[in-house]
Protein backbone atom coordinates (compact mmCIF):
# COMPACT_ATOMS: atom_id res chain seq x y z
CA MET A 1 -16.92 -4.44 13.16
CA PRO A 2 -13.89 -2.58 14.11
CA PRO A 3 -12.12 -0.96 10.98
CA ALA A 4 -9.04 -2.87 11.69
CA VAL A 5 -10.73 -6.15 11.36
CA LEU A 6 -12.49 -5.14 8.16
CA ALA A 7 -9.04 -4.00 6.72
CA ALA A 8 -7.52 -7.12 7.56
CA ILE A 9 -10.25 -9.09 5.66
CA VAL A 10 -10.46 -6.64 2.56
CA ILE A 11 -6.53 -5.83 2.13
CA PRO A 12 -5.21 -9.07 1.12
CA GLY A 13 -8.10 -9.49 -1.59
CA LEU A 14 -6.99 -6.21 -2.95
CA VAL A 15 -3.35 -6.47 -3.23
CA SER A 16 -2.85 -10.27 -3.53
CA PRO A 17 -5.71 -11.75 -5.68
CA ALA A 18 -3.42 -14.40 -7.10
CA GLY A 19 -1.57 -15.27 -3.84
CA SER A 20 1.33 -12.99 -4.28
CA ILE A 21 1.53 -9.07 -3.82
CA ASP A 22 0.76 -7.21 -6.98
CA PHE A 23 0.87 -3.41 -7.03
CA SER A 24 1.03 -3.33 -10.88
CA LEU A 25 -1.32 -1.66 -13.27
CA ALA A 26 -2.49 -5.50 -14.24
CA ASN A 27 -4.38 -5.77 -10.87
CA PRO A 28 -7.31 -3.65 -11.18
CA ARG A 29 -8.50 -4.40 -7.61
CA TRP A 30 -6.14 -2.31 -5.83
CA ILE A 31 -6.80 0.54 -8.18
CA ALA A 32 -10.35 0.16 -7.66
CA GLY A 33 -9.99 0.08 -3.75
CA LEU A 34 -8.12 3.59 -4.04
CA VAL A 35 -10.98 4.86 -6.05
CA ALA A 36 -13.29 3.72 -3.25
CA ILE A 37 -11.33 5.00 -0.49
CA ALA A 38 -10.97 8.47 -2.28
CA VAL A 39 -14.83 8.62 -2.91
CA ALA A 40 -15.44 7.58 0.85
CA MET A 41 -13.25 10.27 2.14
CA ARG A 42 -14.88 12.89 -0.21
CA VAL A 43 -18.58 12.18 0.13
CA ARG A 44 -18.86 10.23 3.35
CA ASN A 45 -21.28 7.77 1.90
CA ALA A 46 -20.80 3.95 2.19
CA LEU A 47 -23.17 3.29 -0.82
CA ALA A 48 -21.31 5.87 -3.18
CA SER A 49 -17.91 4.37 -2.36
CA ILE A 50 -19.14 0.75 -2.98
CA LEU A 51 -20.48 1.90 -6.35
CA ALA A 52 -17.65 3.93 -7.33
CA GLY A 53 -15.27 0.94 -6.46
CA MET A 54 -17.21 -1.60 -8.28
CA ALA A 55 -17.76 0.58 -11.19
CA THR A 56 -14.02 1.26 -11.37
CA LEU A 57 -13.31 -2.38 -11.16
CA TRP A 58 -15.68 -3.56 -13.69
CA ILE A 59 -14.50 -0.94 -16.25
CA LEU A 60 -10.87 -1.70 -15.63
CA GLN A 61 -11.60 -5.44 -16.10
CA ALA A 62 -13.39 -4.75 -19.39
CA LEU A 63 -10.49 -2.62 -20.65
CA SER A 64 -8.04 -5.50 -19.98
CA SER A 65 -10.07 -8.03 -21.70
């Protein structure tokens, strides 16, 4: 799958989970996405970036509850 297609599928879910664009700290999805991107750029390992992003998302969601 070309990277542009993947980005077109993923980005709306990160920045607009409720239907409107939300870059606030109340939206943990875009923060977890940034962490996953940073890990992917650093270690070049897809599994590590997925695990880092999911762990970040779960931690942020637990802290906001």
